[in-house]
Amino acid sequence: MARAVLLMCAAALALAGCGGGDDGAGSGPRPGVSATLDPDNLALVHDELYVCLQREVPDALLASYLGGQASISDSYGRADFDARLAAPEAEVALLGGNRAEFIGVRANTRRPGFRAQPEWDILIFPASADAERAAASIAQQQGRADQDGIFVRVTKRAGRGDRARAAEAALTRCLNLSRRP
């Protein structure tokens, strides 16, 4: 009897570790907070996060880093946004050395209510220790930086109300999807 219970427990634990949903658990290891990422996996996390943010925060503009500022490419010239970084000196030093990936989340100033939309710079690092040092460096410049594993969110503008809360929840979902299960 004890052997049967032990086998059933082992089978249940094995099945609990298997996944097939859209959380990526069954598709092999995913880069995230529990690993040191090589440049390819760092780029993969960046791309996954970018796609997730596009889907989850469709009214925001997503920017890349180019020449010391946030930059979007809009072939129709229909978007206005603030290209300045949230903590320029610290971020330029971190991004200039190719030590991190960048995604800027910006409000489209041509849309009504854009001030309610939060704006962030998301920095992605190869390891949590790198992110901790970066958050400290940004804080020294008196920027607001929140470190979460390999991610550092630098707040440019907090936003307000339901729009800010919805964007915050979406960012949290996207960051969690980019982690190793």
Protein backbone atom coordinates (compact mmCIF):
# COMPACT_ATOMS: atom_id res chain seq x y z
CA MET A 1 0.00 0.00 0.00
CA ALA A 2 2.76 2.47 0.94
CA ARG A 3 4.56 1.70 -2.32
CA ALA A 4 1.39 2.46 -4.35
CA VAL A 5 0.93 5.80 -2.55
CA LEU A 6 4.59 6.64 -3.15
CA LEU A 7 4.27 5.84 -6.88
CA MET A 8 1.09 7.93 -7.16
CA CYS A 9 2.82 10.88 -5.46
CA ALA A 10 5.81 10.57 -7.78
CA ALA A 11 3.51 10.44 -10.82
CA ALA A 12 1.59 13.50 -9.61
CA LEU A 13 4.81 15.46 -9.09
CA ALA A 14 6.09 14.48 -12.52
CA LEU A 15 2.83 15.57 -14.16
CA ALA A 16 2.82 18.85 -12.25
CA GLY A 17 6.21 19.65 -13.76
CA CYS A 18 4.97 19.09 -17.30
CA GLY A 19 3.19 21.91 -19.05
CA GLY A 20 1.47 22.45 -22.29
CA GLY A 21 -0.16 25.84 -21.84
CA ASP A 22 0.90 29.12 -23.33
CA ASP A 23 3.16 29.90 -20.37
CA GLY A 24 6.08 28.27 -22.16
CA ALA A 25 6.71 25.65 -19.46
CA GLY A 26 6.63 22.77 -21.95
CA SER A 27 8.76 24.44 -24.60
CA GLY A 28 12.14 24.03 -22.93
CA PRO A 29 14.08 26.42 -20.74
CA ARG A 30 13.38 30.11 -21.11
CA PRO A 31 15.77 32.88 -20.16
CA GLY A 32 14.92 34.89 -17.11
CA VAL A 33 15.97 35.82 -13.63
CA SER A 34 17.56 32.57 -12.53
CA ALA A 35 20.32 32.47 -15.12
CA THR A 36 23.15 34.49 -16.52
CA LEU A 37 22.20 35.25 -20.08
CA ASP A 38 24.55 35.18 -23.03
CA PRO A 39 24.06 37.89 -25.69
CA ASP A 40 21.70 35.71 -27.76
CA ASN A 41 19.43 34.94 -24.82
CA LEU A 42 19.54 38.55 -23.68
CA ALA A 43 18.29 39.54 -27.13
CA LEU A 44 15.63 36.82 -26.93
CA VAL A 45 14.31 38.17 -23.63
CA HIS A 46 14.25 41.66 -25.16
CA ASP A 47 12.29 40.48 -28.20
CA GLU A 48 9.79 38.48 -26.12
CA LEU A 49 9.22 41.41 -23.80
CA TYR A 50 8.82 43.81 -26.73
CA VAL A 51 6.18 41.60 -28.39
CA CYS A 52 4.33 41.15 -25.10
CA LEU A 53 4.29 44.90 -24.41
CA GLN A 54 2.99 45.58 -27.93
CA ARG A 55 0.12 43.22 -27.25
CA GLU A 56 -0.58 44.23 -23.64
CA VAL A 57 -0.13 48.03 -23.88
CA PRO A 58 -1.34 48.80 -27.41
CA ASP A 59 -1.79 52.53 -26.83
CA ALA A 60 1.88 53.00 -25.85
CA LEU A 61 4.77 53.61 -28.21
CA LEU A 62 7.72 51.26 -27.79
CA ALA A 63 11.13 52.74 -28.37
CA SER A 64 14.60 51.37 -28.89
CA TYR A 65 17.87 52.99 -27.87
CA LEU A 66 19.68 54.99 -30.52
CA GLY A 67 22.37 57.61 -30.13
CA GLY A 68 21.73 58.37 -26.47
CA GLN A 69 17.96 58.60 -26.61
CA ALA A 70 14.78 56.64 -27.04
CA SER A 71 13.87 56.25 -30.69
CA ILE A 72 10.82 54.97 -32.52
CA SER A 73 10.43 54.34 -36.20
CA ASP A 74 7.08 55.45 -37.51
CA SER A 75 6.92 55.40 -41.28
CA TYR A 76 3.81 57.57 -41.29
CA GLY A 77 5.23 60.27 -39.02
CA ARG A 78 2.08 60.13 -36.91
CA ALA A 79 3.58 59.68 -33.45
CA ASP A 80 4.97 62.30 -31.11
CA PHE A 81 6.80 61.31 -27.95
CA ASP A 82 9.55 62.39 -25.61
CA ALA A 83 12.86 60.86 -26.73
CA ARG A 84 14.74 61.76 -23.55
CA LEU A 85 15.81 58.93 -21.27
CA ALA A 86 14.51 58.80 -17.71
CA ALA A 87 18.03 58.90 -16.20
CA PRO A 88 20.18 60.02 -19.14
CA GLU A 89 23.73 59.92 -17.76
CA ALA A 90 23.40 56.59 -16.00
CA GLU A 91 21.46 54.92 -18.81
CA VAL A 92 23.82 56.13 -21.53
CA ALA A 93 26.75 54.73 -19.54
CA LEU A 94 24.99 51.38 -19.11
CA LEU A 95 23.67 51.10 -22.66
CA GLY A 96 26.76 52.51 -24.36
CA GLY A 97 28.83 49.56 -23.23
CA ASN A 98 26.34 47.06 -24.71
CA ARG A 99 25.80 45.72 -21.19
CA ALA A 100 22.01 45.88 -21.38
CA GLU A 101 19.01 45.83 -23.69
CA PHE A 102 16.50 48.70 -23.73
CA ILE A 103 12.79 49.12 -24.34
CA GLY A 104 11.24 52.55 -23.87
CA VAL A 105 7.52 52.65 -23.11
CA ARG A 106 6.23 56.06 -24.15
CA ALA A 107 2.88 57.78 -24.47
CA ASN A 108 1.80 59.04 -27.86
CA THR A 109 1.31 62.75 -27.19
CA ARG A 110 -1.08 62.99 -30.13
CA ARG A 111 -3.65 60.89 -28.27
CA PRO A 112 -6.03 62.39 -25.74
CA GLY A 113 -5.26 61.55 -22.15
CA PHE A 114 -1.63 60.72 -22.86
CA ARG A 115 -0.54 62.14 -19.48
CA ALA A 116 -2.35 59.30 -17.71
CA GLN A 117 -0.11 56.78 -19.52
CA PRO A 118 3.03 55.92 -17.52
CA GLU A 119 6.37 56.11 -19.27
CA TRP A 120 9.28 53.85 -18.42
CA ASP A 121 12.69 52.79 -19.62
CA ILE A 122 13.06 49.03 -19.24
CA LEU A 123 16.65 47.82 -19.04
CA ILE A 124 17.38 44.10 -19.33
CA PHE A 125 20.66 42.74 -17.98
CA PRO A 126 22.48 39.40 -18.28
CA ALA A 127 22.24 38.72 -14.53
CA SER A 128 20.44 39.97 -11.42
CA ALA A 129 23.68 41.28 -9.93
CA ASP A 130 24.18 43.49 -13.01
CA ALA A 131 20.65 44.82 -12.63
CA GLU A 132 21.20 45.58 -8.93
CA ARG A 133 24.32 47.61 -9.72
CA ALA A 134 22.48 49.43 -12.50
CA ALA A 135 19.55 50.32 -10.25
CA ALA A 136 21.99 51.71 -7.67
CA SER A 137 23.77 53.74 -10.36
CA ILE A 138 20.49 55.18 -11.60
CA ALA A 139 19.39 56.00 -8.03
CA GLN A 140 22.64 57.94 -7.54
CA GLN A 141 21.56 60.12 -10.45
CA GLN A 142 18.30 60.62 -8.56
CA GLY A 143 16.30 58.57 -11.01
CA ARG A 144 13.57 56.22 -9.84
CA ALA A 145 14.65 52.67 -10.63
CA ASP A 146 12.94 49.45 -9.56
CA GLN A 147 14.98 46.27 -9.95
CA ASP A 148 13.21 42.95 -10.44
CA GLY A 149 15.57 40.10 -11.25
CA ILE A 150 17.32 40.95 -14.51
CA PHE A 151 14.95 43.85 -15.21
CA VAL A 152 15.31 47.48 -14.15
CA ARG A 153 12.35 49.78 -14.69
CA VAL A 154 13.29 53.45 -14.69
CA THR A 155 10.21 55.61 -14.24
CA LYS A 156 10.08 58.62 -16.49
CA ARG A 157 6.47 59.50 -15.61
CA ALA A 158 4.24 57.53 -13.26
CA GLY A 159 0.96 58.26 -15.04
CA ARG A 160 -2.29 58.16 -13.11
CA GLY A 161 -5.61 56.48 -12.62
CA ASP A 162 -6.95 53.38 -14.32
CA ARG A 163 -4.66 53.77 -17.29
CA ALA A 164 -1.53 53.72 -15.14
CA ARG A 165 -2.78 50.75 -13.11
CA ALA A 166 -3.63 48.80 -16.28
CA ALA A 167 -0.19 49.54 -17.78
CA GLU A 168 1.53 48.51 -14.53
CA ALA A 169 -0.38 45.21 -14.49
CA ALA A 170 0.47 44.61 -18.16
CA LEU A 171 4.15 45.28 -17.54
CA THR A 172 4.15 42.87 -14.61
CA ARG A 173 2.54 40.15 -16.77
CA CYS A 174 5.09 40.69 -19.53
CA LEU A 175 8.07 40.63 -17.16
CA ASN A 176 6.79 37.42 -15.60
CA LEU A 177 6.40 35.78 -19.01
CA SER A 178 10.07 36.53 -19.71
CA ARG A 179 11.33 34.54 -16.73
CA ARG A 180 12.64 31.01 -16.41
CA PRO A 181 9.88 28.84 -14.92
